[in-house]
Protein backbone atom coordinates (compact mmCIF):
# COMPACT_ATOMS: atom_id res chain seq x y z
CA MET A 1 0.22 0.26 -0.06
CA ARG A 2 1.30 3.42 -1.37
CA GLY A 3 0.62 6.77 0.69
CA LEU A 4 1.69 10.06 -0.12
CA GLN A 5 4.29 10.61 -2.65
CA GLY A 6 4.31 6.83 -3.55
CA VAL A 7 5.70 6.05 -0.25
CA ASP A 8 5.08 1.90 0.51
CA VAL A 9 3.68 2.30 3.72
CA SER A 10 3.34 -1.18 4.70
CA GLN A 11 7.32 -1.21 4.78
CA LEU A 12 7.48 1.26 7.24
CA PRO A 13 9.23 -0.07 10.59
CA ASP A 14 6.89 -0.43 13.34
CA ILE A 15 6.88 2.23 16.32
CA LYS A 16 8.56 1.09 19.05
CA ARG A 17 7.71 2.36 22.86
CA LYS A 18 9.74 2.15 26.23
CA LEU A 19 9.24 3.60 29.77
CA THR A 20 11.91 5.76 30.63
CA THR A 21 13.32 8.33 32.76
CA ILE A 22 13.83 11.69 31.06
CA LEU A 23 15.66 14.72 31.38
CA SER A 24 15.29 18.32 29.31
CA ALA A 25 17.64 20.61 29.84
CA ASP A 26 17.71 24.32 28.32
CA ALA A 27 19.88 27.37 28.34
CA ALA A 28 17.98 30.49 29.90
CA ASN A 29 17.81 33.69 27.82
CA TYR A 30 20.19 32.08 25.36
CA SER A 31 18.59 34.06 22.35
CA GLY A 32 19.29 37.28 24.61
CA ARG A 33 22.63 36.24 24.82
CA MET A 34 23.36 35.58 21.52
CA ALA A 35 22.12 38.85 20.28
CA ARG A 36 25.00 40.90 22.61
CA ASP A 37 27.56 38.45 22.38
CA GLU A 38 27.93 35.64 20.07
CA VAL A 39 31.02 34.15 20.77
CA ASN A 40 31.41 34.16 24.29
CA THR A 41 27.64 32.51 24.22
CA VAL A 42 28.60 29.76 22.03
CA GLN A 43 32.00 29.00 24.32
CA ALA A 44 29.94 29.17 27.41
CA LEU A 45 27.34 26.71 25.87
CA ARG A 46 30.37 24.51 25.36
CA ARG A 47 31.53 24.73 28.57
CA ALA A 48 27.95 23.84 29.91
CA ARG A 49 27.82 20.97 27.25
CA ARG A 50 30.70 19.66 28.78
CA VAL A 51 29.41 19.73 32.34
CA ILE A 52 26.19 18.06 31.36
CA ASP A 53 27.51 15.58 28.73
CA ALA A 54 29.87 14.47 31.99
CA ALA A 55 27.03 14.17 34.45
CA VAL A 56 24.60 11.85 32.29
CA ILE A 57 27.41 9.31 31.26
CA ALA A 58 28.87 8.97 34.67
CA ARG A 59 24.96 8.21 36.07
CA GLY A 60 24.85 5.83 33.17
CA GLY A 61 21.96 8.21 30.77
CA ARG A 62 22.52 9.05 27.03
CA ILE A 63 21.98 12.37 25.36
CA ALA A 64 18.86 11.57 22.56
CA ASN A 65 17.70 14.63 21.60
CA THR A 66 19.76 17.76 20.92
CA SER A 67 18.41 20.92 19.42
CA GLY A 68 20.72 24.36 19.26
CA ASP A 69 20.99 25.09 23.31
CA GLY A 70 18.48 22.34 24.53
CA LEU A 71 18.82 18.61 24.90
CA ILE A 72 16.86 15.36 25.97
CA ALA A 73 18.58 12.91 27.84
CA GLU A 74 17.28 9.41 28.99
CA PHE A 75 18.38 7.35 32.01
CA SER A 76 17.23 3.82 32.90
CA SER A 77 17.06 4.71 36.66
CA VAL A 78 14.87 7.61 38.11
CA VAL A 79 17.28 7.96 40.99
CA GLU A 80 19.98 8.43 38.42
CA GLY A 81 18.38 10.97 36.10
CA VAL A 82 17.73 13.26 39.32
CA ALA A 83 21.51 12.92 40.76
CA ALA A 84 22.88 14.18 37.27
CA ALA A 85 20.28 16.70 36.90
CA VAL A 86 21.60 17.60 40.59
CA THR A 87 24.83 17.32 39.64
CA ILE A 88 24.47 19.42 36.52
CA GLN A 89 22.53 22.64 38.29
CA GLN A 90 25.41 22.18 41.19
CA THR A 91 28.34 22.58 38.95
CA LEU A 92 27.02 25.39 36.71
CA ASN A 93 25.32 27.28 39.33
CA ASN A 94 29.07 27.11 41.15
CA THR A 95 30.92 27.89 37.79
CA ALA A 96 31.70 31.87 37.32
CA ASP A 97 30.37 33.33 34.13
CA ALA A 98 28.33 29.81 33.61
CA LEU A 99 25.46 29.58 31.22
CA PRO A 100 22.71 28.98 33.35
CA PHE A 101 20.27 26.11 32.59
CA ARG A 102 16.54 25.07 33.69
CA ILE A 103 15.93 21.38 33.83
CA GLY A 104 12.88 19.11 33.98
CA VAL A 105 12.43 15.59 34.72
CA HIS A 106 9.80 12.96 33.87
CA LEU A 107 9.28 9.05 34.23
CA GLY A 108 7.10 8.33 30.91
CA ASP A 109 6.40 6.30 28.03
CA VAL A 110 8.33 7.45 24.82
CA ILE A 111 8.70 6.15 21.26
CA VAL A 112 11.77 5.84 19.51
CA GLU A 113 12.76 7.00 16.70
CA GLY A 114 16.31 6.03 15.58
CA SER A 115 18.50 7.49 18.75
CA ASP A 116 16.03 10.29 19.33
CA LEU A 117 13.26 9.97 21.73
CA LEU A 118 9.59 11.53 20.83
CA GLY A 119 6.10 11.46 22.31
CA ASP A 120 4.04 13.04 24.90
CA GLY A 121 6.70 12.01 28.00
CA VAL A 122 9.30 13.82 26.55
CA ASN A 123 6.70 16.88 25.94
CA LEU A 124 6.24 16.44 29.23
CA ALA A 125 9.34 16.73 30.36
CA ALA A 126 10.25 19.58 28.46
CA ARG A 127 7.26 21.80 29.89
CA LEU A 128 8.43 20.93 33.44
CA GLN A 129 12.04 22.20 32.35
CA GLU A 130 10.00 25.68 30.49
CA ASN A 131 8.15 26.32 34.18
CA ALA A 132 11.80 25.37 36.21
CA ASN A 133 13.30 28.67 37.84
CA VAL A 134 16.85 29.60 36.12
CA GLY A 135 19.36 27.19 37.85
CA GLY A 136 16.39 24.72 39.03
CA ILE A 137 14.91 21.52 38.68
CA LEU A 138 10.83 20.33 38.32
CA VAL A 139 10.24 16.83 38.65
CA SER A 140 7.18 14.97 38.24
CA ARG A 141 4.98 13.11 40.72
CA GLN A 142 6.29 9.86 39.20
CA VAL A 143 9.28 11.08 39.29
CA ALA A 144 9.29 12.42 43.10
CA ASP A 145 7.56 9.10 43.93
CA TYR A 146 10.43 7.19 42.95
CA ALA A 147 13.69 9.49 43.65
CA ARG A 148 12.15 10.06 47.32
CA GLY A 149 14.11 9.31 50.38
CA ARG A 150 16.85 7.73 47.79
CA LEU A 151 18.66 11.43 47.18
CA VAL A 152 20.04 13.73 49.74
CA ALA A 153 17.26 16.23 48.21
CA GLU A 154 13.83 17.18 48.95
CA PHE A 155 10.94 17.09 46.66
CA ARG A 156 8.69 20.27 47.34
CA PRO A 157 4.81 19.89 45.97
CA LEU A 158 4.30 23.23 43.89
CA GLY A 159 0.63 21.83 43.17
CA PRO A 160 -1.31 20.62 39.79
CA ALA A 161 -0.53 22.81 36.72
CA THR A 162 -1.75 22.34 33.44
CA PRO A 163 1.41 22.37 31.04
CA LYS A 164 1.14 24.04 27.69
CA ASN A 165 -0.06 22.34 24.68
CA LEU A 166 -1.13 19.42 27.37
CA ILE A 167 -4.70 18.25 28.41
CA GLU A 168 -4.12 16.82 32.19
CA GLU A 169 -3.19 18.51 35.00
CA VAL A 170 0.25 17.13 36.16
CA GLU A 171 1.45 17.67 39.97
CA LEU A 172 4.61 19.64 39.91
CA PHE A 173 7.70 19.16 42.42
CA ALA A 174 10.42 21.56 42.92
CA VAL A 175 13.94 19.64 43.50
CA LEU A 176 15.63 21.26 46.81
CA ALA A 177 19.18 20.57 47.04
CA GLU A 178 22.77 22.07 47.70
CA GLY A 179 23.55 24.39 45.06
CA VAL A 180 20.38 23.84 43.24
CA LYS A 181 17.99 27.21 42.40
CA ALA A 182 15.23 27.06 44.72
CA PRO A 183 11.38 28.60 43.89
CA ASP A 184 11.77 32.73 44.52
CA ASP A 185 9.08 31.90 47.43
CA LEU A 186 8.87 28.29 48.93
CA ALA A 187 6.53 29.61 51.51
CA SER A 188 3.84 30.05 48.67
CA VAL A 189 4.68 26.50 47.34
CA ALA A 190 4.89 24.92 50.84
CA PRO A 191 2.92 21.84 51.70
CA ARG A 192 -0.54 23.32 53.60
CA ILE A 193 -0.93 22.05 57.09
CA ASP A 194 -4.89 22.66 58.22
CA ARG A 195 -4.42 23.07 61.76
CA PRO A 196 -7.54 23.39 64.05
CA GLN A 197 -8.38 26.46 65.01
CA SER A 198 -10.35 27.87 68.25
CA VAL A 199 -13.67 28.84 67.71
CA HIS A 200 -15.13 32.10 69.05
CA LEU A 201 -19.17 32.52 69.43
CA SER A 202 -20.38 35.84 68.88
CA ASP A 203 -22.28 37.58 71.57
CA ASP A 204 -25.64 36.84 70.47
CA ALA A 205 -24.61 33.19 70.03
CA ARG A 206 -23.49 33.63 73.57
CA ILE A 207 -26.52 35.19 74.65
CA LYS A 208 -28.91 32.57 72.93
CA PHE A 209 -26.71 29.76 74.83
CA ARG A 210 -27.03 31.18 78.36
CA LYS A 211 -30.81 31.92 78.08
CA SER A 212 -31.02 28.04 77.13
CA CYS A 213 -29.24 27.27 80.14
CA GLN A 214 -31.33 29.48 82.40
CA ARG A 215 -34.48 27.90 81.08
CA ALA A 216 -33.02 24.40 81.26
CA GLY A 217 -31.78 24.95 84.93
CA LEU A 218 -35.49 25.98 85.89
CA ALA A 219 -36.83 22.90 84.15
CA THR A 220 -34.50 20.81 85.76
CA ALA A 221 -35.25 22.79 89.26
CA VAL A 222 -39.45 22.28 88.73
CA LEU A 223 -38.77 18.63 88.16
CA VAL A 224 -36.53 18.32 91.78
CA VAL A 225 -39.78 19.94 93.59
CA ILE A 226 -42.10 17.71 92.48
CA ASP A 227 -39.64 14.63 92.73
CA LEU A 228 -39.44 15.56 95.96
CA THR A 229 -42.98 16.57 97.16
CA ASN A 230 -44.32 12.86 95.53
CA GLY A 231 -41.91 11.00 97.34
CA PRO A 232 -40.06 7.80 95.61
CA GLY A 233 -40.92 7.17 92.23
CA PRO A 234 -40.25 5.48 88.89
CA GLY A 235 -37.14 8.26 88.42
CA TRP A 236 -38.52 9.39 85.35
CA PRO A 237 -37.79 13.18 86.49
CA ALA A 238 -33.90 11.95 85.98
CA LEU A 239 -34.59 10.63 82.36
CA VAL A 240 -36.33 14.24 81.65
CA VAL A 241 -32.77 16.12 83.23
CA ALA A 242 -30.87 13.84 80.88
CA ALA A 243 -32.78 14.74 77.76
CA ILE A 244 -32.29 18.48 78.99
CA ALA A 245 -28.59 18.34 79.23
CA VAL A 246 -28.49 16.52 75.71
CA SER A 247 -30.44 19.03 74.06
CA LEU A 248 -28.06 22.00 75.43
CA VAL A 249 -25.10 19.85 74.08
CA PHE A 250 -26.69 19.74 70.48
CA LYS A 251 -27.38 23.23 70.88
CA TRP A 252 -24.07 24.08 71.47
CA ARG A 253 -22.78 22.26 68.58
CA ASN A 254 -25.04 23.78 66.37
CA LEU A 255 -24.28 27.58 67.62
CA ARG A 256 -20.35 26.83 67.35
CA ASP A 257 -20.74 25.38 63.94
CA SER A 258 -22.70 28.09 62.57
CA GLN A 259 -20.01 30.42 63.76
CA ARG A 260 -17.10 28.23 61.67
């Protein structure tokens, strides 16, 4: 069967897929630096690539795709992929005049096309990289779940987001480690802990409850007088007093809940 331009589509190779850890790295403000100083920017990119290539190889990964100032690397291990990302940022962030990078790491399904990687897994890693701060690392939940506790790093949840050109929401995590740039305002992205708050009743609610207690006290006193006047009986006044007490408890809860 022939498709467009007479290509025999029946002879095309099958699509190959695999699950892998994808690292996306891209230089920050590369175009702006090129516009100001092409030679020094290209030299800085070469120095940065030597750092990146060395970290990827040392952690058992490989460079899959390259395009100008960006690249895609893959690792068979999530932990090794994150470790490589941390090493890259630590080295670049602590090197004078280094070209800064953003990095995103994701564990996902990819299409293997020769030596290149394609598909949504690669796209998501690239979107994580785009949302990372300069000198920082963003990872997906899949990566955070596998790597947490296995590295000297913290994975701080930033909440769900829908990256550009993707359909589903993704939970973002910032990698916090020595030498890696953290988000500017960690307080705004820190996990929220809901603590019980004390409830203060309004003056009107207090007055209503006080009146209810007064009426309940008066009714109880009347029942005690009746019980003493009639002498020992079946003990029904005690049941009524208990019912009044239960009623006061429910009234207090309702007033308290209405003030939250």
